[in-house]
All heavy atoms as atom14 arrays in JSON, in Angstrom:
{
  "sequence": "LMLHVKELRVFNTICNATFENQEAAKNLAKRADVMIIIGGKNSSNT",
  "atom14_mask": [
    [1, 1, 1, 1, 1, 1, 1, 1, 0, 0, 0, 0, 0, 0],
    [1, 1, 1, 1, 1, 1, 1, 1, 0, 0, 0, 0, 0, 0],
    [1, 1, 1, 1, 1, 1, 1, 1, 0, 0, 0, 0, 0, 0],
    [1, 1, 1, 1, 1, 1, 1, 1, 1, 1, 0, 0, 0, 0],
    [1, 1, 1, 1, 1, 1, 1, 0, 0, 0, 0, 0, 0, 0],
    [1, 1, 1, 1, 1, 1, 1, 1, 1, 0, 0, 0, 0, 0],
    [1, 1, 1, 1, 1, 1, 1, 1, 1, 0, 0, 0, 0, 0],
    [1, 1, 1, 1, 1, 1, 1, 1, 0, 0, 0, 0, 0, 0],
    [1, 1, 1, 1, 1, 1, 1, 1, 1, 1, 1, 0, 0, 0],
    [1, 1, 1, 1, 1, 1, 1, 0, 0, 0, 0, 0, 0, 0],
    [1, 1, 1, 1, 1, 1, 1, 1, 1, 1, 1, 0, 0, 0],
    [1, 1, 1, 1, 1, 1, 1, 1, 0, 0, 0, 0, 0, 0],
    [1, 1, 1, 1, 1, 1, 1, 0, 0, 0, 0, 0, 0, 0],
    [1, 1, 1, 1, 1, 1, 1, 1, 0, 0, 0, 0, 0, 0],
    [1, 1, 1, 1, 1, 1, 0, 0, 0, 0, 0, 0, 0, 0],
    [1, 1, 1, 1, 1, 1, 1, 1, 0, 0, 0, 0, 0, 0],
    [1, 1, 1, 1, 1, 0, 0, 0, 0, 0, 0, 0, 0, 0],
    [1, 1, 1, 1, 1, 1, 1, 0, 0, 0, 0, 0, 0, 0],
    [1, 1, 1, 1, 1, 1, 1, 1, 1, 1, 1, 0, 0, 0],
    [1, 1, 1, 1, 1, 1, 1, 1, 1, 0, 0, 0, 0, 0],
    [1, 1, 1, 1, 1, 1, 1, 1, 0, 0, 0, 0, 0, 0],
    [1, 1, 1, 1, 1, 1, 1, 1, 1, 0, 0, 0, 0, 0],
    [1, 1, 1, 1, 1, 1, 1, 1, 1, 0, 0, 0, 0, 0],
    [1, 1, 1, 1, 1, 0, 0, 0, 0, 0, 0, 0, 0, 0],
    [1, 1, 1, 1, 1, 0, 0, 0, 0, 0, 0, 0, 0, 0],
    [1, 1, 1, 1, 1, 1, 1, 1, 1, 0, 0, 0, 0, 0],
    [1, 1, 1, 1, 1, 1, 1, 1, 0, 0, 0, 0, 0, 0],
    [1, 1, 1, 1, 1, 1, 1, 1, 0, 0, 0, 0, 0, 0],
    [1, 1, 1, 1, 1, 0, 0, 0, 0, 0, 0, 0, 0, 0],
    [1, 1, 1, 1, 1, 1, 1, 1, 1, 0, 0, 0, 0, 0],
    [1, 1, 1, 1, 1, 1, 1, 1, 1, 1, 1, 0, 0, 0],
    [1, 1, 1, 1, 1, 0, 0, 0, 0, 0, 0, 0, 0, 0],
    [1, 1, 1, 1, 1, 1, 1, 1, 0, 0, 0, 0, 0, 0],
    [1, 1, 1, 1, 1, 1, 1, 0, 0, 0, 0, 0, 0, 0],
    [1, 1, 1, 1, 1, 1, 1, 1, 0, 0, 0, 0, 0, 0],
    [1, 1, 1, 1, 1, 1, 1, 1, 0, 0, 0, 0, 0, 0],
    [1, 1, 1, 1, 1, 1, 1, 1, 0, 0, 0, 0, 0, 0],
    [1, 1, 1, 1, 1, 1, 1, 1, 0, 0, 0, 0, 0, 0],
    [1, 1, 1, 1, 0, 0, 0, 0, 0, 0, 0, 0, 0, 0],
    [1, 1, 1, 1, 0, 0, 0, 0, 0, 0, 0, 0, 0, 0],
    [1, 1, 1, 1, 1, 1, 1, 1, 1, 0, 0, 0, 0, 0],
    [1, 1, 1, 1, 1, 1, 1, 1, 0, 0, 0, 0, 0, 0],
    [1, 1, 1, 1, 1, 1, 0, 0, 0, 0, 0, 0, 0, 0],
    [1, 1, 1, 1, 1, 1, 0, 0, 0, 0, 0, 0, 0, 0],
    [1, 1, 1, 1, 1, 1, 1, 1, 0, 0, 0, 0, 0, 0],
    [1, 1, 1, 1, 1, 1, 1, 0, 0, 0, 0, 0, 0, 0]
  ],
  "atom14_positions": [
    [[0.8, -1.21, 0.06], [-0.07, 0.03, -0.05], [0.9, 1.26, -0.08], [0.56, 2.3, -0.62], [-0.97, -0.05, 1.2], [-2.15, -1.03, 1.16], [-2.86, -1.11, 2.52], [-3.06, -0.64, 0.02], [0.0, 0.0, 0.0], [0.0, 0.0, 0.0], [0.0, 0.0, 0.0], [0.0, 0.0, 0.0], [0.0, 0.0, 0.0], [0.0, 0.0, 0.0]],
    [[2.01, 1.15, 0.71], [2.9, 2.44, 0.83], [3.32, 2.86, -0.57], [3.51, 4.0, -0.81], [4.1, 2.04, 1.56], [4.86, 3.28, 2.14], [6.17, 2.74, 3.17], [5.45, 1.61, 4.36], [0.0, 0.0, 0.0], [0.0, 0.0, 0.0], [0.0, 0.0, 0.0], [0.0, 0.0, 0.0], [0.0, 0.0, 0.0], [0.0, 0.0, 0.0]],
    [[3.39, 1.86, -1.5], [4.0, 2.27, -2.82], [2.85, 2.58, -3.83], [3.07, 2.95, -4.92], [4.77, 1.11, -3.41], [6.02, 0.68, -2.55], [6.55, -0.64, -3.16], [6.99, 1.82, -2.66], [0.0, 0.0, 0.0], [0.0, 0.0, 0.0], [0.0, 0.0, 0.0], [0.0, 0.0, 0.0], [0.0, 0.0, 0.0], [0.0, 0.0, 0.0]],
    [[1.6, 2.38, -3.37], [0.42, 2.48, -4.28], [-0.55, 3.62, -3.9], [-1.49, 3.88, -4.64], [-0.32, 1.18, -4.54], [0.61, 0.3, -5.25], [1.57, -0.62, -4.67], [0.71, -0.03, -6.62], [2.19, -1.3, -5.46], [1.64, -1.07, -6.72], [0.0, 0.0, 0.0], [0.0, 0.0, 0.0], [0.0, 0.0, 0.0], [0.0, 0.0, 0.0]],
    [[-0.35, 4.28, -2.77], [-1.25, 5.42, -2.4], [-0.55, 6.46, -1.87], [0.65, 6.4, -1.52], [-2.32, 4.87, -1.27], [-3.13, 3.63, -1.75], [-1.54, 4.58, 0.05], [0.0, 0.0, 0.0], [0.0, 0.0, 0.0], [0.0, 0.0, 0.0], [0.0, 0.0, 0.0], [0.0, 0.0, 0.0], [0.0, 0.0, 0.0], [0.0, 0.0, 0.0]],
    [[-1.24, 7.65, -1.92], [-0.51, 8.91, -1.55], [-0.34, 9.01, -0.01], [0.78, 9.49, 0.37], [-1.28, 10.15, -2.04], [-0.57, 11.41, -2.03], [-1.29, 12.45, -2.85], [-0.4, 13.75, -3.05], [0.42, 13.9, -4.04], [0.0, 0.0, 0.0], [0.0, 0.0, 0.0], [0.0, 0.0, 0.0], [0.0, 0.0, 0.0], [0.0, 0.0, 0.0]],
    [[-1.29, 8.63, 0.75], [-1.21, 8.75, 2.16], [-1.75, 7.41, 2.77], [-2.73, 6.95, 2.55], [-2.12, 9.91, 2.73], [-2.04, 10.02, 4.22], [-2.95, 11.19, 4.77], [-3.24, 12.01, 4.03], [-3.29, 10.99, 5.92], [0.0, 0.0, 0.0], [0.0, 0.0, 0.0], [0.0, 0.0, 0.0], [0.0, 0.0, 0.0], [0.0, 0.0, 0.0]],
    [[-0.86, 6.91, 3.67], [-1.26, 5.59, 4.31], [-1.11, 5.77, 5.75], [-0.01, 6.14, 6.29], [-0.35, 4.53, 3.85], [-0.54, 3.1, 4.42], [-1.81, 2.52, 4.11], [0.66, 2.17, 4.07], [0.0, 0.0, 0.0], [0.0, 0.0, 0.0], [0.0, 0.0, 0.0], [0.0, 0.0, 0.0], [0.0, 0.0, 0.0], [0.0, 0.0, 0.0]],
    [[-2.2, 5.38, 6.42], [-2.13, 5.27, 8.01], [-2.17, 3.79, 8.21], [-3.2, 3.01, 7.89], [-3.35, 5.94, 8.56], [-3.5, 7.46, 8.31], [-2.71, 8.24, 9.13], [-2.88, 8.17, 10.59], [-3.83, 8.77, 11.38], [-4.61, 9.69, 10.87], [-3.8, 8.5, 12.62], [0.0, 0.0, 0.0], [0.0, 0.0, 0.0], [0.0, 0.0, 0.0]],
    [[-1.19, 3.31, 8.96], [-1.12, 1.77, 9.42], [-1.38, 1.78, 10.89], [-0.62, 2.49, 11.76], [0.31, 1.34, 9.06], [0.4, -0.19, 9.47], [0.53, 1.49, 7.53], [0.0, 0.0, 0.0], [0.0, 0.0, 0.0], [0.0, 0.0, 0.0], [0.0, 0.0, 0.0], [0.0, 0.0, 0.0], [0.0, 0.0, 0.0], [0.0, 0.0, 0.0]],
    [[-2.33, 0.96, 11.22], [-2.71, 0.84, 12.66], [-2.48, -0.69, 13.03], [-3.1, -1.49, 12.63], [-4.1, 1.05, 12.96], [-4.4, 2.63, 12.68], [-4.88, 3.04, 11.49], [-4.36, 3.56, 13.72], [-5.16, 4.41, 11.18], [-4.67, 4.91, 13.51], [-5.05, 5.27, 12.23], [0.0, 0.0, 0.0], [0.0, 0.0, 0.0], [0.0, 0.0, 0.0]],
    [[-1.46, -0.82, 13.88], [-1.02, -2.25, 14.28], [-2.02, -2.72, 15.19], [-1.87, -2.49, 16.44], [0.36, -2.4, 14.76], [0.73, -3.88, 15.17], [-0.12, -4.74, 14.86], [1.93, -3.96, 15.61], [0.0, 0.0, 0.0], [0.0, 0.0, 0.0], [0.0, 0.0, 0.0], [0.0, 0.0, 0.0], [0.0, 0.0, 0.0], [0.0, 0.0, 0.0]],
    [[-3.14, -3.41, 14.81], [-4.13, -3.91, 15.71], [-4.08, -5.43, 15.98], [-5.0, -6.04, 16.54], [-5.53, -3.63, 15.24], [-5.51, -4.13, 13.74], [-5.73, -2.18, 15.1], [0.0, 0.0, 0.0], [0.0, 0.0, 0.0], [0.0, 0.0, 0.0], [0.0, 0.0, 0.0], [0.0, 0.0, 0.0], [0.0, 0.0, 0.0], [0.0, 0.0, 0.0]],
    [[-2.79, -5.98, 15.73], [-2.66, -7.3, 16.03], [-2.34, -7.32, 17.58], [-1.53, -6.57, 18.09], [-1.31, -7.89, 15.28], [-1.7, -7.94, 13.86], [-1.01, -9.29, 15.79], [-0.52, -8.35, 12.9], [0.0, 0.0, 0.0], [0.0, 0.0, 0.0], [0.0, 0.0, 0.0], [0.0, 0.0, 0.0], [0.0, 0.0, 0.0], [0.0, 0.0, 0.0]],
    [[-2.99, -8.34, 18.29], [-3.01, -8.35, 19.69], [-1.53, -8.71, 20.23], [-0.89, -9.53, 19.63], [-3.99, -9.42, 20.19], [-3.8, -9.93, 21.9], [0.0, 0.0, 0.0], [0.0, 0.0, 0.0], [0.0, 0.0, 0.0], [0.0, 0.0, 0.0], [0.0, 0.0, 0.0], [0.0, 0.0, 0.0], [0.0, 0.0, 0.0], [0.0, 0.0, 0.0]],
    [[-1.07, -8.03, 21.21], [0.31, -8.23, 21.75], [0.45, -9.76, 22.19], [1.49, -10.25, 21.87], [0.6, -7.35, 22.98], [0.59, -5.88, 22.61], [0.87, -5.58, 21.41], [0.47, -5.08, 23.55], [0.0, 0.0, 0.0], [0.0, 0.0, 0.0], [0.0, 0.0, 0.0], [0.0, 0.0, 0.0], [0.0, 0.0, 0.0], [0.0, 0.0, 0.0]],
    [[-0.5, -10.36, 22.74], [-0.41, -11.74, 23.23], [-0.34, -12.55, 21.96], [0.41, -13.63, 21.97], [-1.67, -12.09, 23.99], [0.0, 0.0, 0.0], [0.0, 0.0, 0.0], [0.0, 0.0, 0.0], [0.0, 0.0, 0.0], [0.0, 0.0, 0.0], [0.0, 0.0, 0.0], [0.0, 0.0, 0.0], [0.0, 0.0, 0.0], [0.0, 0.0, 0.0]],
    [[-0.98, -12.23, 20.98], [-0.92, -13.04, 19.6], [0.46, -13.02, 19.14], [1.07, -14.06, 18.84], [-1.91, -12.53, 18.67], [-3.19, -12.7, 19.19], [-1.78, -13.18, 17.35], [0.0, 0.0, 0.0], [0.0, 0.0, 0.0], [0.0, 0.0, 0.0], [0.0, 0.0, 0.0], [0.0, 0.0, 0.0], [0.0, 0.0, 0.0], [0.0, 0.0, 0.0]],
    [[1.01, -11.73, 19.07], [2.43, -11.63, 18.6], [3.43, -12.39, 19.45], [4.27, -13.07, 19.01], [2.86, -10.11, 18.56], [4.14, -9.91, 18.17], [4.62, -10.01, 16.88], [5.11, -9.52, 19.16], [5.89, -9.81, 16.45], [6.5, -9.37, 18.71], [6.88, -9.47, 17.33], [0.0, 0.0, 0.0], [0.0, 0.0, 0.0], [0.0, 0.0, 0.0]],
    [[3.24, -12.31, 20.75], [4.17, -13.11, 21.71], [4.05, -14.6, 21.55], [4.97, -15.4, 21.46], [3.86, -12.65, 23.13], [4.35, -11.28, 23.49], [3.82, -10.68, 24.78], [3.2, -11.51, 25.51], [3.98, -9.53, 24.99], [0.0, 0.0, 0.0], [0.0, 0.0, 0.0], [0.0, 0.0, 0.0], [0.0, 0.0, 0.0], [0.0, 0.0, 0.0]],
    [[2.73, -15.05, 21.38], [2.64, -16.5, 21.2], [3.18, -16.96, 19.85], [3.74, -18.02, 19.77], [1.09, -16.92, 21.2], [0.46, -16.67, 22.55], [1.19, -16.68, 23.56], [-0.78, -16.53, 22.62], [0.0, 0.0, 0.0], [0.0, 0.0, 0.0], [0.0, 0.0, 0.0], [0.0, 0.0, 0.0], [0.0, 0.0, 0.0], [0.0, 0.0, 0.0]],
    [[3.0, -16.14, 18.75], [3.55, -16.58, 17.4], [5.13, -16.64, 17.53], [5.6, -17.47, 17.02], [3.08, -15.54, 16.44], [1.58, -15.62, 16.07], [1.16, -14.63, 15.09], [1.82, -13.78, 14.65], [-0.17, -14.74, 14.66], [0.0, 0.0, 0.0], [0.0, 0.0, 0.0], [0.0, 0.0, 0.0], [0.0, 0.0, 0.0], [0.0, 0.0, 0.0]],
    [[5.66, -15.62, 18.22], [7.16, -15.64, 18.36], [7.59, -16.82, 19.14], [8.59, -17.5, 18.79], [7.66, -14.33, 19.01], [7.67, -13.13, 18.14], [8.68, -13.4, 16.97], [9.91, -13.5, 17.22], [8.25, -13.27, 15.82], [0.0, 0.0, 0.0], [0.0, 0.0, 0.0], [0.0, 0.0, 0.0], [0.0, 0.0, 0.0], [0.0, 0.0, 0.0]],
    [[6.96, -17.16, 20.25], [7.22, -18.37, 21.03], [7.1, -19.65, 20.21], [7.97, -20.4, 20.31], [6.44, -18.4, 22.25], [0.0, 0.0, 0.0], [0.0, 0.0, 0.0], [0.0, 0.0, 0.0], [0.0, 0.0, 0.0], [0.0, 0.0, 0.0], [0.0, 0.0, 0.0], [0.0, 0.0, 0.0], [0.0, 0.0, 0.0], [0.0, 0.0, 0.0]],
    [[6.07, -19.73, 19.49], [5.86, -20.91, 18.73], [7.01, -21.09, 17.57], [7.47, -22.2, 17.35], [4.47, -20.85, 18.0], [0.0, 0.0, 0.0], [0.0, 0.0, 0.0], [0.0, 0.0, 0.0], [0.0, 0.0, 0.0], [0.0, 0.0, 0.0], [0.0, 0.0, 0.0], [0.0, 0.0, 0.0], [0.0, 0.0, 0.0], [0.0, 0.0, 0.0]],
    [[7.31, -19.98, 17.02], [8.35, -19.98, 15.97], [9.66, -20.52, 16.55], [10.38, -21.35, 15.96], [8.56, -18.66, 15.37], [9.68, -18.56, 14.25], [9.61, -17.29, 13.47], [10.02, -16.13, 14.34], [10.01, -14.93, 13.5], [0.0, 0.0, 0.0], [0.0, 0.0, 0.0], [0.0, 0.0, 0.0], [0.0, 0.0, 0.0], [0.0, 0.0, 0.0]],
    [[10.09, -19.89, 17.65], [11.32, -20.15, 18.4], [11.35, -21.61, 18.9], [12.41, -22.4, 18.71], [11.59, -19.29, 19.5], [11.82, -17.75, 19.04], [12.25, -17.64, 17.96], [11.6, -16.74, 19.94], [0.0, 0.0, 0.0], [0.0, 0.0, 0.0], [0.0, 0.0, 0.0], [0.0, 0.0, 0.0], [0.0, 0.0, 0.0], [0.0, 0.0, 0.0]],
    [[10.22, -22.09, 19.38], [10.12, -23.48, 19.91], [10.17, -24.42, 18.68], [10.89, -25.49, 18.75], [8.87, -23.66, 20.66], [8.69, -24.94, 21.37], [9.85, -25.33, 22.39], [7.35, -24.95, 22.2], [0.0, 0.0, 0.0], [0.0, 0.0, 0.0], [0.0, 0.0, 0.0], [0.0, 0.0, 0.0], [0.0, 0.0, 0.0], [0.0, 0.0, 0.0]],
    [[9.54, -24.19, 17.62], [9.41, -25.0, 16.48], [10.81, -25.19, 15.9], [11.02, -26.34, 15.24], [8.41, -24.45, 15.46], [0.0, 0.0, 0.0], [0.0, 0.0, 0.0], [0.0, 0.0, 0.0], [0.0, 0.0, 0.0], [0.0, 0.0, 0.0], [0.0, 0.0, 0.0], [0.0, 0.0, 0.0], [0.0, 0.0, 0.0], [0.0, 0.0, 0.0]],
    [[11.68, -24.22, 15.83], [13.02, -24.27, 15.29], [13.85, -25.37, 16.01], [14.67, -25.93, 15.46], [13.69, -22.96, 15.48], [13.17, -21.86, 14.38], [13.86, -20.54, 14.65], [13.41, -19.51, 13.6], [14.0, -18.23, 13.92], [0.0, 0.0, 0.0], [0.0, 0.0, 0.0], [0.0, 0.0, 0.0], [0.0, 0.0, 0.0], [0.0, 0.0, 0.0]],
    [[13.5, -25.69, 17.23], [14.32, -26.59, 18.07], [13.57, -27.88, 18.35], [14.26, -28.9, 18.75], [14.48, -25.92, 19.46], [15.33, -24.52, 19.35], [15.72, -24.08, 20.82], [14.83, -24.25, 21.92], [14.0, -23.45, 22.32], [13.77, -22.25, 21.67], [13.29, -23.7, 23.32], [0.0, 0.0, 0.0], [0.0, 0.0, 0.0], [0.0, 0.0, 0.0]],
    [[12.33, -27.96, 17.93], [11.51, -29.15, 18.29], [11.51, -30.19, 17.15], [11.72, -29.86, 16.09], [10.15, -28.8, 18.68], [0.0, 0.0, 0.0], [0.0, 0.0, 0.0], [0.0, 0.0, 0.0], [0.0, 0.0, 0.0], [0.0, 0.0, 0.0], [0.0, 0.0, 0.0], [0.0, 0.0, 0.0], [0.0, 0.0, 0.0], [0.0, 0.0, 0.0]],
    [[11.52, -31.45, 17.55], [11.2, -32.54, 16.59], [9.68, -32.65, 16.23], [9.56, -33.03, 15.12], [11.74, -33.88, 17.16], [13.17, -33.85, 17.37], [13.95, -33.24, 16.66], [13.7, -34.5, 18.36], [0.0, 0.0, 0.0], [0.0, 0.0, 0.0], [0.0, 0.0, 0.0], [0.0, 0.0, 0.0], [0.0, 0.0, 0.0], [0.0, 0.0, 0.0]],
    [[8.94, -32.42, 17.22], [7.4, -32.55, 17.01], [6.82, -31.33, 17.77], [7.19, -31.01, 18.93], [6.86, -33.85, 17.55], [5.35, -33.97, 17.39], [7.52, -35.13, 16.79], [0.0, 0.0, 0.0], [0.0, 0.0, 0.0], [0.0, 0.0, 0.0], [0.0, 0.0, 0.0], [0.0, 0.0, 0.0], [0.0, 0.0, 0.0], [0.0, 0.0, 0.0]],
    [[5.88, -30.71, 17.08], [5.11, -29.67, 17.64], [3.57, -30.08, 17.78], [2.98, -30.45, 16.71], [5.2, -28.32, 16.9], [6.5, -27.66, 17.04], [6.69, -26.83, 18.56], [5.59, -25.49, 18.51], [0.0, 0.0, 0.0], [0.0, 0.0, 0.0], [0.0, 0.0, 0.0], [0.0, 0.0, 0.0], [0.0, 0.0, 0.0], [0.0, 0.0, 0.0]],
    [[2.95, -30.1, 18.83], [1.59, -30.25, 19.04], [0.83, -28.95, 19.49], [1.13, -28.44, 20.48], [1.18, -31.37, 20.1], [1.98, -32.67, 19.56], [-0.18, -31.62, 20.26], [1.92, -33.83, 20.48], [0.0, 0.0, 0.0], [0.0, 0.0, 0.0], [0.0, 0.0, 0.0], [0.0, 0.0, 0.0], [0.0, 0.0, 0.0], [0.0, 0.0, 0.0]],
    [[-0.03, -28.55, 18.75], [-0.72, -27.23, 18.9], [-2.14, -27.71, 19.36], [-2.93, -28.28, 18.6], [-0.83, -26.26, 17.78], [0.56, -25.82, 17.38], [-1.67, -24.99, 18.01], [1.36, -26.64, 16.45], [0.0, 0.0, 0.0], [0.0, 0.0, 0.0], [0.0, 0.0, 0.0], [0.0, 0.0, 0.0], [0.0, 0.0, 0.0], [0.0, 0.0, 0.0]],
    [[-2.55, -27.21, 20.52], [-3.85, -27.71, 21.18], [-4.74, -26.5, 21.15], [-4.55, -25.37, 21.66], [-3.78, -28.25, 22.54], [-2.67, -29.4, 22.44], [-5.11, -28.68, 23.05], [-2.29, -29.8, 23.93], [0.0, 0.0, 0.0], [0.0, 0.0, 0.0], [0.0, 0.0, 0.0], [0.0, 0.0, 0.0], [0.0, 0.0, 0.0], [0.0, 0.0, 0.0]],
    [[-5.88, -26.55, 20.45], [-6.78, -25.42, 20.46], [-8.03, -25.83, 19.45], [-7.97, -26.82, 18.8], [0.0, 0.0, 0.0], [0.0, 0.0, 0.0], [0.0, 0.0, 0.0], [0.0, 0.0, 0.0], [0.0, 0.0, 0.0], [0.0, 0.0, 0.0], [0.0, 0.0, 0.0], [0.0, 0.0, 0.0], [0.0, 0.0, 0.0], [0.0, 0.0, 0.0]],
    [[-8.86, -24.87, 19.32], [-9.93, -25.11, 18.48], [-9.65, -25.01, 16.99], [-8.87, -24.19, 16.48], [0.0, 0.0, 0.0], [0.0, 0.0, 0.0], [0.0, 0.0, 0.0], [0.0, 0.0, 0.0], [0.0, 0.0, 0.0], [0.0, 0.0, 0.0], [0.0, 0.0, 0.0], [0.0, 0.0, 0.0], [0.0, 0.0, 0.0], [0.0, 0.0, 0.0]],
    [[-10.06, -26.02, 16.24], [-9.78, -26.06, 14.9], [-10.37, -24.93, 14.08], [-10.0, -24.68, 12.86], [-10.14, -27.41, 14.21], [-9.23, -28.47, 14.87], [-9.37, -29.85, 14.14], [-8.34, -30.76, 14.78], [-8.57, -32.18, 14.39], [0.0, 0.0, 0.0], [0.0, 0.0, 0.0], [0.0, 0.0, 0.0], [0.0, 0.0, 0.0], [0.0, 0.0, 0.0]],
    [[-11.46, -24.29, 14.61], [-12.05, -23.21, 13.85], [-11.38, -21.82, 14.32], [-11.79, -20.85, 13.96], [-13.53, -23.15, 14.13], [-14.08, -24.23, 13.36], [-13.73, -24.7, 12.36], [-15.2, -24.84, 14.04], [0.0, 0.0, 0.0], [0.0, 0.0, 0.0], [0.0, 0.0, 0.0], [0.0, 0.0, 0.0], [0.0, 0.0, 0.0], [0.0, 0.0, 0.0]],
    [[-10.48, -21.82, 15.24], [-9.79, -20.66, 15.82], [-8.81, -20.14, 14.92], [-7.84, -20.8, 14.56], [-9.28, -21.06, 17.15], [-8.42, -20.06, 17.57], [0.0, 0.0, 0.0], [0.0, 0.0, 0.0], [0.0, 0.0, 0.0], [0.0, 0.0, 0.0], [0.0, 0.0, 0.0], [0.0, 0.0, 0.0], [0.0, 0.0, 0.0], [0.0, 0.0, 0.0]],
    [[-8.94, -18.85, 14.55], [-7.93, -18.28, 13.73], [-6.56, -18.15, 14.44], [-5.56, -18.47, 13.76], [-8.32, -16.81, 13.34], [-7.29, -16.07, 12.69], [0.0, 0.0, 0.0], [0.0, 0.0, 0.0], [0.0, 0.0, 0.0], [0.0, 0.0, 0.0], [0.0, 0.0, 0.0], [0.0, 0.0, 0.0], [0.0, 0.0, 0.0], [0.0, 0.0, 0.0]],
    [[-6.62, -17.92, 15.72], [-5.36, -17.83, 16.45], [-4.63, -19.11, 16.48], [-3.44, -19.19, 16.25], [-5.69, -17.42, 17.85], [-4.62, -16.94, 18.77], [-3.47, -16.61, 18.08], [-4.57, -16.95, 19.94], [0.0, 0.0, 0.0], [0.0, 0.0, 0.0], [0.0, 0.0, 0.0], [0.0, 0.0, 0.0], [0.0, 0.0, 0.0], [0.0, 0.0, 0.0]],
    [[-5.37, -20.27, 16.71], [-4.78, -21.6, 16.75], [-4.22, -22.02, 15.4], [-3.09, -22.66, 15.21], [-5.8, -22.6, 17.2], [-6.31, -22.15, 18.47], [-5.2, -23.98, 17.34], [0.0, 0.0, 0.0], [0.0, 0.0, 0.0], [0.0, 0.0, 0.0], [0.0, 0.0, 0.0], [0.0, 0.0, 0.0], [0.0, 0.0, 0.0], [0.0, 0.0, 0.0]]
  ]
}
């Protein structure tokens, strides 16, 4: 969008807890042999 519009307002509305969980999952997955994610299969977060 920055390259295609004259004025862009970006609001980071991603939840802090979501960001922290995603970072933790990434760091753990890099070291793990198996990852098991437990949560609702209809959950966007999961």
